[in-house]
Protein backbone atom coordinates (compact mmCIF):
# COMPACT_ATOMS: atom_id res chain seq x y z
CA UNK A 1 46.59 -7.59 -46.46
CA UNK A 2 45.90 -11.15 -47.58
CA UNK A 3 45.45 -11.90 -51.26
CA UNK A 4 44.83 -15.48 -52.41
CA UNK A 5 44.59 -15.53 -56.19
CA UNK A 6 43.54 -18.20 -58.67
CA UNK A 7 43.93 -21.06 -56.21
CA UNK A 8 43.64 -24.56 -57.65
CA UNK A 9 43.76 -27.41 -55.15
CA UNK A 10 43.49 -31.16 -55.69
CA UNK A 11 43.05 -34.22 -53.48
CA UNK A 12 44.54 -36.87 -55.72
CA UNK A 13 42.66 -36.64 -59.03
CA UNK A 14 39.74 -34.75 -57.48
CA UNK A 15 39.81 -30.96 -57.85
CA UNK A 16 38.52 -29.19 -54.73
CA UNK A 17 39.22 -25.56 -55.70
CA UNK A 18 39.00 -24.00 -59.16
CA UNK A 19 40.67 -20.61 -59.64
CA UNK A 20 39.46 -19.31 -56.28
CA UNK A 21 40.42 -15.78 -55.27
CA UNK A 22 39.73 -14.07 -51.95
CA UNK A 23 41.20 -11.11 -50.06
CA UNK A 24 41.16 -9.85 -46.48
CA UNK A 25 42.24 -6.42 -45.27
CA UNK A 26 43.03 -5.01 -41.84
CA UNK A 27 40.00 -3.67 -40.01
CA UNK A 28 37.58 -5.60 -42.18
CA UNK A 29 35.76 -8.94 -42.04
CA UNK A 30 35.67 -11.09 -45.17
CA UNK A 31 33.09 -13.88 -44.99
CA UNK A 32 33.30 -17.02 -47.13
CA UNK A 33 29.87 -18.61 -47.40
CA UNK A 34 28.58 -21.86 -48.86
CA UNK A 35 27.11 -25.27 -48.15
CA UNK A 36 29.10 -28.19 -46.75
CA UNK A 37 31.49 -29.73 -49.23
CA UNK A 38 31.88 -26.77 -51.60
CA UNK A 39 35.54 -26.12 -50.76
CA UNK A 40 35.43 -23.54 -47.96
CA UNK A 41 37.62 -25.51 -45.56
CA UNK A 42 39.98 -26.49 -48.38
CA UNK A 43 40.46 -22.79 -49.12
CA UNK A 44 41.18 -22.01 -45.48
CA UNK A 45 43.61 -24.93 -45.18
CA UNK A 46 45.43 -23.64 -48.25
CA UNK A 47 45.69 -20.13 -46.81
CA UNK A 48 47.12 -21.28 -43.46
CA UNK A 49 49.46 -23.78 -45.12
CA UNK A 50 47.86 -27.05 -44.10
CA UNK A 51 47.13 -28.10 -47.67
CA UNK A 52 49.44 -27.52 -50.68
CA UNK A 53 47.97 -25.98 -53.81
CA UNK A 54 48.52 -27.01 -57.42
CA UNK A 55 48.64 -23.45 -58.76
CA UNK A 56 47.90 -19.87 -57.85
CA UNK A 57 49.58 -17.84 -55.13
CA UNK A 58 48.98 -16.54 -51.63
CA UNK A 59 50.41 -13.15 -50.68
CA UNK A 60 50.45 -11.79 -47.13
CA UNK A 61 51.54 -8.20 -46.53
CA UNK A 62 53.43 -8.13 -49.81
CA UNK A 63 55.24 -11.45 -49.29
CA UNK A 64 54.48 -14.53 -51.36
CA UNK A 65 53.88 -17.19 -48.69
CA UNK A 66 52.61 -19.93 -51.02
CA UNK A 67 55.52 -22.25 -50.24
CA UNK A 68 55.74 -21.54 -46.49
CA UNK A 69 54.90 -24.16 -43.84
CA UNK A 70 52.05 -23.55 -41.37
CA UNK A 71 54.40 -22.63 -38.51
CA UNK A 72 56.19 -20.12 -40.75
CA UNK A 73 52.87 -18.48 -41.61
CA UNK A 74 51.92 -18.43 -37.93
CA UNK A 75 55.14 -16.58 -37.13
CA UNK A 76 54.15 -13.98 -39.71
CA UNK A 77 50.96 -13.25 -37.81
CA UNK A 78 48.43 -15.70 -39.29
CA UNK A 79 46.28 -17.47 -36.68
CA UNK A 80 43.75 -20.23 -37.36
CA UNK A 81 40.68 -21.34 -35.39
CA UNK A 82 39.76 -24.71 -36.94
CA UNK A 83 36.34 -26.22 -37.35
CA UNK A 84 35.67 -28.46 -34.34
CA UNK A 85 37.83 -26.28 -32.05
CA UNK A 86 40.64 -28.87 -31.52
CA UNK A 87 41.49 -27.78 -28.00
CA UNK A 88 43.45 -30.10 -25.69
CA UNK A 89 40.81 -31.65 -23.39
CA UNK A 90 43.24 -32.85 -20.72
CA UNK A 91 45.09 -29.53 -20.44
CA UNK A 92 43.79 -26.64 -18.37
CA UNK A 93 42.44 -23.48 -19.91
CA UNK A 94 45.73 -21.77 -19.02
CA UNK A 95 47.78 -24.56 -20.61
CA UNK A 96 45.62 -24.48 -23.75
CA UNK A 97 46.21 -20.76 -24.07
CA UNK A 98 49.94 -21.21 -23.57
CA UNK A 99 50.03 -23.77 -26.38
CA UNK A 100 49.72 -20.76 -28.68
CA UNK A 101 53.14 -19.57 -27.53
CA UNK A 102 54.92 -21.79 -30.07
CA UNK A 103 54.42 -19.16 -32.77
CA UNK A 104 55.92 -16.38 -30.63
CA UNK A 105 59.50 -15.39 -29.77
CA UNK A 106 60.32 -16.07 -26.12
CA UNK A 107 60.15 -12.43 -25.08
CA UNK A 108 56.51 -12.20 -26.25
CA UNK A 109 55.19 -15.36 -24.61
CA UNK A 110 52.52 -14.01 -22.29
CA UNK A 111 48.73 -14.08 -22.16
CA UNK A 112 47.58 -10.50 -22.60
CA UNK A 113 44.93 -9.14 -20.27
CA UNK A 114 42.89 -8.20 -23.35
CA UNK A 115 42.37 -11.87 -24.26
CA UNK A 116 40.83 -12.60 -20.87
CA UNK A 117 38.79 -9.40 -20.98
CA UNK A 118 37.29 -10.52 -24.30
CA UNK A 119 36.35 -13.90 -22.79
CA UNK A 120 35.71 -13.40 -19.04
CA UNK A 121 34.46 -16.98 -18.61
CA UNK A 122 37.94 -18.28 -19.39
CA UNK A 123 39.44 -16.24 -16.58
CA UNK A 124 36.93 -17.82 -14.21
CA UNK A 125 37.90 -21.32 -15.44
CA UNK A 126 41.63 -20.76 -15.79
CA UNK A 127 42.54 -23.90 -13.87
CA UNK A 128 39.80 -26.14 -15.28
CA UNK A 129 40.52 -28.76 -17.93
CA UNK A 130 39.48 -27.89 -21.45
CA UNK A 131 37.40 -31.04 -21.69
CA UNK A 132 35.26 -29.86 -18.76
CA UNK A 133 34.10 -26.77 -20.65
CA UNK A 134 30.87 -26.63 -22.64
CA UNK A 135 31.07 -26.62 -26.42
CA UNK A 136 30.56 -22.88 -26.53
CA UNK A 137 33.22 -22.27 -23.91
CA UNK A 138 35.63 -24.51 -25.84
CA UNK A 139 35.00 -22.41 -28.94
CA UNK A 140 35.83 -19.27 -26.97
CA UNK A 141 38.99 -20.98 -25.74
CA UNK A 142 39.99 -21.87 -29.31
CA UNK A 143 39.57 -18.26 -30.41
CA UNK A 144 41.43 -16.98 -27.35
CA UNK A 145 44.30 -19.41 -28.02
CA UNK A 146 44.61 -17.94 -31.53
CA UNK A 147 44.56 -14.39 -30.13
CA UNK A 148 47.40 -15.23 -27.74
CA UNK A 149 49.67 -15.22 -30.80
CA UNK A 150 48.81 -11.54 -31.41
CA UNK A 151 47.80 -12.21 -35.01
CA UNK A 152 47.40 -9.73 -37.83
CA UNK A 153 45.18 -12.18 -39.73
CA UNK A 154 42.59 -14.25 -37.84
CA UNK A 155 41.07 -17.13 -39.81
CA UNK A 156 37.95 -18.79 -38.34
CA UNK A 157 36.33 -21.91 -39.79
CA UNK A 158 32.62 -22.02 -38.86
CA UNK A 159 32.93 -20.73 -35.28
CA UNK A 160 29.14 -20.89 -34.74
CA UNK A 161 28.78 -24.60 -35.55
CA UNK A 162 26.93 -26.40 -32.75
CA UNK A 163 27.09 -23.37 -30.45
CA UNK A 164 24.23 -22.07 -28.32
CA UNK A 165 22.78 -18.66 -29.33
CA UNK A 166 24.11 -16.78 -26.28
CA UNK A 167 27.70 -17.83 -27.08
CA UNK A 168 27.21 -16.96 -30.76
CA UNK A 169 26.37 -13.44 -29.63
CA UNK A 170 29.55 -13.32 -27.53
CA UNK A 171 31.65 -14.52 -30.47
CA UNK A 172 30.01 -11.97 -32.75
CA UNK A 173 30.81 -9.21 -30.26
CA UNK A 174 34.46 -10.25 -30.08
CA UNK A 175 34.89 -10.44 -33.86
CA UNK A 176 33.33 -7.00 -34.26
CA UNK A 177 35.59 -5.51 -31.57
CA UNK A 178 38.69 -7.03 -33.17
CA UNK A 179 37.75 -5.65 -36.57
CA UNK A 180 36.97 -2.20 -35.18
CA UNK A 181 40.43 -2.07 -33.63
CA UNK A 182 41.69 -1.71 -37.20
CA UNK A 183 44.96 -3.64 -37.08
CA UNK A 184 43.69 -7.16 -37.79
CA UNK A 185 42.22 -8.74 -40.93
CA UNK A 186 39.53 -11.35 -40.29
CA UNK A 187 38.61 -14.17 -42.65
CA UNK A 188 35.46 -15.94 -41.53
CA UNK A 189 34.02 -19.14 -43.02
CA UNK A 190 30.31 -19.55 -42.29
CA UNK A 191 27.08 -21.30 -43.26
CA UNK A 192 24.94 -19.23 -40.88
CA UNK A 193 23.85 -16.37 -43.14
CA UNK A 194 22.46 -13.99 -40.51
CA UNK A 195 25.67 -14.18 -38.45
CA UNK A 196 27.80 -13.53 -41.54
CA UNK A 197 25.60 -10.68 -42.76
CA UNK A 198 25.85 -8.86 -39.43
CA UNK A 199 29.67 -8.99 -39.50
CA UNK A 200 30.77 -9.00 -43.13
CA UNK A 201 32.41 -6.08 -44.89
CA UNK A 202 33.19 -8.28 -47.89
CA UNK A 203 31.79 -11.66 -48.88
CA UNK A 204 32.56 -14.55 -51.21
CA UNK A 205 30.02 -17.30 -51.86
CA UNK A 206 31.36 -20.68 -52.96
CA UNK A 207 29.73 -23.52 -54.86
CA UNK A 208 31.39 -26.67 -56.23
CA UNK A 209 34.90 -25.40 -55.61
CA UNK A 210 34.40 -21.97 -57.18
CA UNK A 211 33.52 -18.47 -56.04
CA UNK A 212 30.14 -17.73 -57.62
CA UNK A 213 29.31 -14.44 -55.89
CA UNK A 214 31.63 -11.87 -54.33
CA UNK A 215 31.71 -8.22 -53.39
CA UNK A 216 31.00 -5.66 -50.71
CA UNK A 217 28.48 -6.71 -48.08
CA UNK A 218 26.40 -3.63 -48.84
CA UNK A 219 25.72 -5.07 -52.29
CA UNK A 220 24.76 -8.53 -51.00
CA UNK A 221 21.34 -9.65 -52.24
CA UNK A 222 19.97 -12.05 -49.65
CA UNK A 223 18.01 -14.26 -52.02
CA UNK A 224 20.98 -14.64 -54.35
CA UNK A 225 23.20 -15.74 -51.48
CA UNK A 226 20.68 -17.99 -49.75
CA UNK A 227 20.14 -20.14 -52.83
CA UNK A 228 23.76 -21.26 -52.46
CA UNK A 229 23.28 -22.04 -48.77
CA UNK A 230 20.15 -24.18 -48.85
CA UNK A 231 20.34 -27.91 -49.50
């Protein structure tokens, strides 16, 4: 289980996160919602180790990982799908997937058949360059690259951004299947309320660097949430 508690994060003199707490458990999807610029990505970057925090702590499966580097967190089973995908456009689909091997011991460096079953289009384009794929296919590749590491925590930063509806449905299906498997915690950052509502078991709504609403998805009041998502 992931538990990030009372996270305070600064960029210089500017405070981006104020006592933010969020948790994610195996077999469940926790959705972090909010407008652009409210601190969602800062929170995710803190959890995966890309941004140091001023105070608070991050615990993963009983271990305090607050001081660990990103690669150390990756080796403990934390995988990150960043906003904007960040695939390697000149590498093939296969080579992009293999770039996830860095977090694995040598005896586990293989692309599981399950990854390609989840994203059949990638199997069809195995030898194509990443830059030749559509935006939606690149997003699927970014998720698949994370899954190659066999994570126990999958962190996704706005996976639906700029993606066509048919691919959003595919991504939704994959996230639901991964959660139903029961051995992976999923932390999902989103602005698209309907997508988040269909997947979320737990939710946290952010505004101005703070969590302003949080709880079980069954208790989510749409109007209360949407007022923090509209401009």
